[in-house]
Amino acid sequence: MADRLMSLLGLCRRAGKLTLGNDPVIDSINLKKARLVVVASDCSRHTAKDVLSCAHRNGVKAHTLPHTKEEISLAVGKYTAVLSIIDDGFAKKADSLIEGGITHGYDD
């Protein structure tokens, strides 16, 4: 069964609505472009702390995913542990998948 969240992140990347990497994500948060921030489960503590605290300070919702850097990187086509979604629609859908714990399956 395909992972719906990883598929959505890949779609976000192809649509140009994803920011990848620590510094670009922090910039997207500070520039008020980020709508949702996600961090890999095996991201370094220092990086995760920096990104998550920046998101919190700026009122941007953030999640640590149960997925590893390798799983996320495979979905988006570039090695990364931190990313931000810069589109409201994609962010809402990703947030609902994460919050609902429903990342596998085919039904909406």
N, C-alpha and C. Protein backbone atom coordinates (compact mmCIF):
# COMPACT_ATOMS: atom_id res chain seq x y z
N MET A 1 0.83 -1.18 0.00
CA MET A 1 0.00 0.00 0.00
C MET A 1 0.88 1.25 0.00
N ALA A 2 0.56 2.22 -0.80
CA ALA A 2 1.36 3.43 -0.92
C ALA A 2 1.16 4.32 0.30
N ASP A 3 2.18 5.07 0.66
CA ASP A 3 2.11 6.01 1.77
C ASP A 3 1.58 7.33 1.24
N ARG A 4 0.40 7.72 1.66
CA ARG A 4 -0.26 8.91 1.14
C ARG A 4 0.50 10.19 1.46
N LEU A 5 1.08 10.29 2.65
CA LEU A 5 1.81 11.49 3.02
C LEU A 5 3.06 11.65 2.15
N MET A 6 3.79 10.56 1.96
CA MET A 6 5.00 10.65 1.13
C MET A 6 4.64 10.98 -0.32
N SER A 7 3.53 10.44 -0.80
CA SER A 7 3.07 10.78 -2.15
C SER A 7 2.72 12.25 -2.25
N LEU A 8 2.07 12.77 -1.22
CA LEU A 8 1.71 14.19 -1.19
C LEU A 8 2.95 15.07 -1.17
N LEU A 9 3.97 14.68 -0.40
CA LEU A 9 5.20 15.47 -0.37
C LEU A 9 5.90 15.46 -1.73
N GLY A 10 5.86 14.33 -2.41
CA GLY A 10 6.43 14.27 -3.76
C GLY A 10 5.68 15.18 -4.72
N LEU A 11 4.38 15.21 -4.59
CA LEU A 11 3.55 16.09 -5.42
C LEU A 11 3.86 17.56 -5.12
N CYS A 12 4.01 17.89 -3.85
CA CYS A 12 4.39 19.26 -3.45
C CYS A 12 5.71 19.66 -4.09
N ARG A 13 6.67 18.75 -4.09
CA ARG A 13 7.98 19.05 -4.68
C ARG A 13 7.85 19.31 -6.18
N ARG A 14 7.11 18.46 -6.87
CA ARG A 14 6.94 18.64 -8.31
C ARG A 14 6.19 19.92 -8.64
N ALA A 15 5.32 20.36 -7.73
CA ALA A 15 4.55 21.59 -7.93
C ALA A 15 5.34 22.83 -7.51
N GLY A 16 6.53 22.63 -6.95
CA GLY A 16 7.34 23.77 -6.51
C GLY A 16 6.84 24.41 -5.23
N LYS A 17 6.14 23.65 -4.41
CA LYS A 17 5.56 24.17 -3.17
C LYS A 17 6.23 23.61 -1.92
N LEU A 18 7.50 23.22 -2.05
CA LEU A 18 8.22 22.61 -0.96
C LEU A 18 9.58 23.28 -0.82
N THR A 19 9.97 23.57 0.40
CA THR A 19 11.30 24.11 0.69
C THR A 19 12.07 23.02 1.42
N LEU A 20 13.30 22.75 0.98
CA LEU A 20 14.08 21.64 1.52
C LEU A 20 15.35 22.14 2.18
N GLY A 21 15.69 21.55 3.33
CA GLY A 21 16.94 21.87 4.00
C GLY A 21 16.76 22.85 5.15
N ASN A 22 17.67 22.78 6.11
CA ASN A 22 17.59 23.56 7.33
C ASN A 22 17.50 25.06 7.09
N ASP A 23 18.51 25.65 6.46
CA ASP A 23 18.53 27.11 6.27
C ASP A 23 17.39 27.61 5.38
N PRO A 24 17.11 26.96 4.23
CA PRO A 24 15.98 27.42 3.43
C PRO A 24 14.63 27.32 4.15
N VAL A 25 14.47 26.29 4.98
CA VAL A 25 13.21 26.15 5.73
C VAL A 25 13.10 27.27 6.76
N ILE A 26 14.18 27.55 7.47
CA ILE A 26 14.16 28.64 8.45
C ILE A 26 13.87 29.97 7.75
N ASP A 27 14.47 30.17 6.58
CA ASP A 27 14.18 31.39 5.81
C ASP A 27 12.71 31.46 5.42
N SER A 28 12.14 30.33 4.98
CA SER A 28 10.72 30.33 4.58
C SER A 28 9.82 30.63 5.77
N ILE A 29 10.22 30.19 6.95
CA ILE A 29 9.44 30.49 8.16
C ILE A 29 9.53 31.98 8.47
N ASN A 30 10.75 32.51 8.48
CA ASN A 30 10.94 33.92 8.81
C ASN A 30 10.31 34.86 7.79
N LEU A 31 10.24 34.43 6.53
CA LEU A 31 9.62 35.25 5.47
C LEU A 31 8.11 35.05 5.40
N LYS A 32 7.56 34.28 6.35
CA LYS A 32 6.11 34.01 6.42
C LYS A 32 5.58 33.27 5.21
N LYS A 33 6.41 32.46 4.57
CA LYS A 33 5.97 31.65 3.44
C LYS A 33 5.56 30.24 3.87
N ALA A 34 6.20 29.71 4.89
CA ALA A 34 5.94 28.35 5.34
C ALA A 34 4.54 28.23 5.94
N ARG A 35 3.84 27.19 5.54
CA ARG A 35 2.51 26.91 6.09
C ARG A 35 2.53 25.70 7.02
N LEU A 36 3.48 24.79 6.78
CA LEU A 36 3.64 23.60 7.61
C LEU A 36 5.09 23.15 7.51
N VAL A 37 5.68 22.81 8.64
CA VAL A 37 7.06 22.34 8.69
C VAL A 37 7.05 20.90 9.16
N VAL A 38 7.83 20.06 8.49
CA VAL A 38 7.98 18.67 8.92
C VAL A 38 9.46 18.31 9.04
N VAL A 39 9.73 17.47 10.03
CA VAL A 39 11.09 17.06 10.36
C VAL A 39 11.11 15.53 10.40
N ALA A 40 12.16 14.94 9.87
CA ALA A 40 12.31 13.48 9.89
C ALA A 40 12.54 12.98 11.31
N SER A 41 12.16 11.75 11.53
CA SER A 41 12.31 11.16 12.87
C SER A 41 13.77 11.03 13.29
N ASP A 42 14.67 10.87 12.31
CA ASP A 42 16.09 10.70 12.64
C ASP A 42 16.91 11.96 12.37
N CYS A 43 16.25 13.09 12.34
CA CYS A 43 16.94 14.37 12.18
C CYS A 43 17.76 14.64 13.44
N SER A 44 18.89 15.31 13.31
CA SER A 44 19.72 15.60 14.48
C SER A 44 18.94 16.48 15.45
N ARG A 45 19.22 16.31 16.73
CA ARG A 45 18.51 17.09 17.75
C ARG A 45 18.72 18.59 17.56
N HIS A 46 19.93 18.97 17.25
CA HIS A 46 20.25 20.39 17.08
C HIS A 46 19.45 21.00 15.94
N THR A 47 19.43 20.34 14.80
CA THR A 47 18.67 20.83 13.64
C THR A 47 17.19 20.87 13.94
N ALA A 48 16.67 19.80 14.51
CA ALA A 48 15.24 19.74 14.83
C ALA A 48 14.87 20.86 15.80
N LYS A 49 15.70 21.07 16.81
CA LYS A 49 15.43 22.11 17.80
C LYS A 49 15.40 23.48 17.15
N ASP A 50 16.37 23.77 16.29
CA ASP A 50 16.43 25.06 15.60
C ASP A 50 15.17 25.31 14.77
N VAL A 51 14.82 24.34 13.95
CA VAL A 51 13.69 24.49 13.04
C VAL A 51 12.37 24.54 13.81
N LEU A 52 12.18 23.63 14.74
CA LEU A 52 10.92 23.58 15.47
C LEU A 52 10.72 24.82 16.34
N SER A 53 11.78 25.32 16.96
CA SER A 53 11.64 26.52 17.78
C SER A 53 11.36 27.74 16.91
N CYS A 54 11.98 27.82 15.75
CA CYS A 54 11.71 28.91 14.82
C CYS A 54 10.25 28.87 14.36
N ALA A 55 9.76 27.69 14.04
CA ALA A 55 8.37 27.54 13.63
C ALA A 55 7.43 27.97 14.76
N HIS A 56 7.73 27.53 15.96
CA HIS A 56 6.90 27.87 17.12
C HIS A 56 6.87 29.39 17.34
N ARG A 57 8.03 30.02 17.29
CA ARG A 57 8.12 31.48 17.48
C ARG A 57 7.31 32.25 16.45
N ASN A 58 7.21 31.70 15.25
CA ASN A 58 6.52 32.38 14.16
C ASN A 58 5.09 31.88 13.93
N GLY A 59 4.61 31.01 14.79
CA GLY A 59 3.24 30.53 14.69
C GLY A 59 2.97 29.59 13.53
N VAL A 60 4.01 28.87 13.10
CA VAL A 60 3.87 27.91 12.01
C VAL A 60 3.74 26.51 12.60
N LYS A 61 2.75 25.79 12.18
CA LYS A 61 2.55 24.43 12.67
C LYS A 61 3.71 23.55 12.20
N ALA A 62 4.17 22.66 13.09
CA ALA A 62 5.30 21.79 12.77
C ALA A 62 5.06 20.40 13.35
N HIS A 63 5.59 19.40 12.63
CA HIS A 63 5.45 18.01 13.06
C HIS A 63 6.78 17.29 12.89
N THR A 64 7.06 16.36 13.79
CA THR A 64 8.13 15.40 13.59
C THR A 64 7.45 14.14 13.08
N LEU A 65 7.85 13.71 11.90
CA LEU A 65 7.22 12.56 11.25
C LEU A 65 7.79 11.24 11.76
N PRO A 66 7.05 10.16 11.61
CA PRO A 66 7.58 8.83 11.93
C PRO A 66 8.47 8.29 10.80
N HIS A 67 8.71 9.10 9.78
CA HIS A 67 9.51 8.70 8.63
C HIS A 67 10.96 9.14 8.80
N THR A 68 11.87 8.37 8.22
CA THR A 68 13.30 8.70 8.29
C THR A 68 13.70 9.65 7.16
N LYS A 69 14.92 10.17 7.26
CA LYS A 69 15.45 11.03 6.19
C LYS A 69 15.44 10.30 4.86
N GLU A 70 15.79 9.02 4.88
CA GLU A 70 15.84 8.25 3.64
C GLU A 70 14.46 8.12 3.01
N GLU A 71 13.44 7.87 3.82
CA GLU A 71 12.08 7.73 3.30
C GLU A 71 11.58 9.05 2.71
N ILE A 72 11.83 10.13 3.42
CA ILE A 72 11.41 11.45 2.93
C ILE A 72 12.17 11.80 1.66
N SER A 73 13.47 11.54 1.67
CA SER A 73 14.31 11.86 0.51
C SER A 73 13.88 11.09 -0.72
N LEU A 74 13.51 9.85 -0.54
CA LEU A 74 13.02 9.05 -1.66
C LEU A 74 11.73 9.65 -2.24
N ALA A 75 10.89 10.16 -1.37
CA ALA A 75 9.61 10.73 -1.82
C ALA A 75 9.80 12.06 -2.56
N VAL A 76 10.75 12.89 -2.10
CA VAL A 76 10.89 14.23 -2.68
C VAL A 76 12.03 14.34 -3.69
N GLY A 77 12.86 13.32 -3.78
CA GLY A 77 13.91 13.32 -4.78
C GLY A 77 15.17 14.05 -4.41
N LYS A 78 15.33 14.41 -3.14
CA LYS A 78 16.54 15.08 -2.67
C LYS A 78 16.74 14.73 -1.21
N TYR A 79 18.00 14.48 -0.82
CA TYR A 79 18.30 14.09 0.55
C TYR A 79 18.05 15.25 1.49
N THR A 80 17.11 15.09 2.41
CA THR A 80 16.78 16.14 3.37
C THR A 80 16.10 15.54 4.59
N ALA A 81 16.23 16.25 5.71
CA ALA A 81 15.57 15.83 6.94
C ALA A 81 14.54 16.85 7.38
N VAL A 82 14.56 18.03 6.75
CA VAL A 82 13.69 19.13 7.15
C VAL A 82 13.06 19.73 5.90
N LEU A 83 11.76 19.98 5.94
CA LEU A 83 11.12 20.63 4.81
C LEU A 83 9.93 21.44 5.26
N SER A 84 9.56 22.39 4.41
CA SER A 84 8.36 23.18 4.70
C SER A 84 7.49 23.21 3.45
N ILE A 85 6.19 23.16 3.69
CA ILE A 85 5.21 23.28 2.62
C ILE A 85 4.78 24.74 2.58
N ILE A 86 4.82 25.32 1.38
CA ILE A 86 4.54 26.75 1.25
C ILE A 86 3.22 27.02 0.52
N ASP A 87 2.32 26.08 0.56
CA ASP A 87 1.02 26.21 -0.08
C ASP A 87 -0.06 25.82 0.94
N ASP A 88 -1.09 26.65 1.07
CA ASP A 88 -2.14 26.38 2.05
C ASP A 88 -2.85 25.05 1.84
N GLY A 89 -3.24 24.76 0.61
CA GLY A 89 -3.97 23.52 0.32
C GLY A 89 -3.16 22.28 0.62
N PHE A 90 -1.92 22.25 0.14
CA PHE A 90 -1.04 21.10 0.42
C PHE A 90 -0.79 20.98 1.93
N ALA A 91 -0.58 22.12 2.59
CA ALA A 91 -0.30 22.09 4.03
C ALA A 91 -1.48 21.54 4.81
N LYS A 92 -2.69 21.95 4.46
CA LYS A 92 -3.88 21.47 5.16
C LYS A 92 -4.06 19.97 4.97
N LYS A 93 -3.85 19.49 3.74
CA LYS A 93 -3.99 18.06 3.47
C LYS A 93 -2.93 17.26 4.23
N ALA A 94 -1.68 17.73 4.18
CA ALA A 94 -0.60 17.03 4.89
C ALA A 94 -0.87 17.02 6.39
N ASP A 95 -1.30 18.14 6.93
CA ASP A 95 -1.60 18.23 8.36
C ASP A 95 -2.71 17.26 8.74
N SER A 96 -3.74 17.17 7.92
CA SER A 96 -4.83 16.25 8.24
C SER A 96 -4.36 14.79 8.19
N LEU A 97 -3.48 14.47 7.25
CA LEU A 97 -2.95 13.10 7.20
C LEU A 97 -2.09 12.80 8.42
N ILE A 98 -1.27 13.77 8.82
CA ILE A 98 -0.39 13.57 9.97
C ILE A 98 -1.19 13.49 11.26
N GLU A 99 -2.08 14.46 11.46
CA GLU A 99 -2.87 14.51 12.69
C GLU A 99 -3.79 13.31 12.82
N GLY A 100 -4.34 12.87 11.70
CA GLY A 100 -5.24 11.73 11.72
C GLY A 100 -4.52 10.40 11.81
N GLY A 101 -3.21 10.44 11.60
CA GLY A 101 -2.44 9.20 11.62
C GLY A 101 -2.76 8.31 10.44
N ILE A 102 -3.42 8.88 9.44
CA ILE A 102 -3.83 8.10 8.26
C ILE A 102 -2.90 8.47 7.11
N THR A 103 -1.80 7.75 7.02
CA THR A 103 -0.88 8.01 5.91
C THR A 103 -0.88 6.88 4.90
N HIS A 104 -1.55 5.79 5.24
CA HIS A 104 -1.62 4.66 4.31
C HIS A 104 -3.04 4.50 3.81
N GLY A 105 -3.19 4.14 2.56
CA GLY A 105 -4.51 3.86 2.04
C GLY A 105 -4.82 4.67 0.81
N TYR A 106 -6.01 4.47 0.30
CA TYR A 106 -6.40 5.11 -0.94
C TYR A 106 -7.64 5.96 -0.83
N ASP A 107 -8.38 5.86 0.26
CA ASP A 107 -9.61 6.63 0.37
C ASP A 107 -9.35 7.99 1.01
N ASP A 108 -10.16 8.96 0.67
CA ASP A 108 -10.07 10.30 1.27
C ASP A 108 -11.11 10.38 2.32
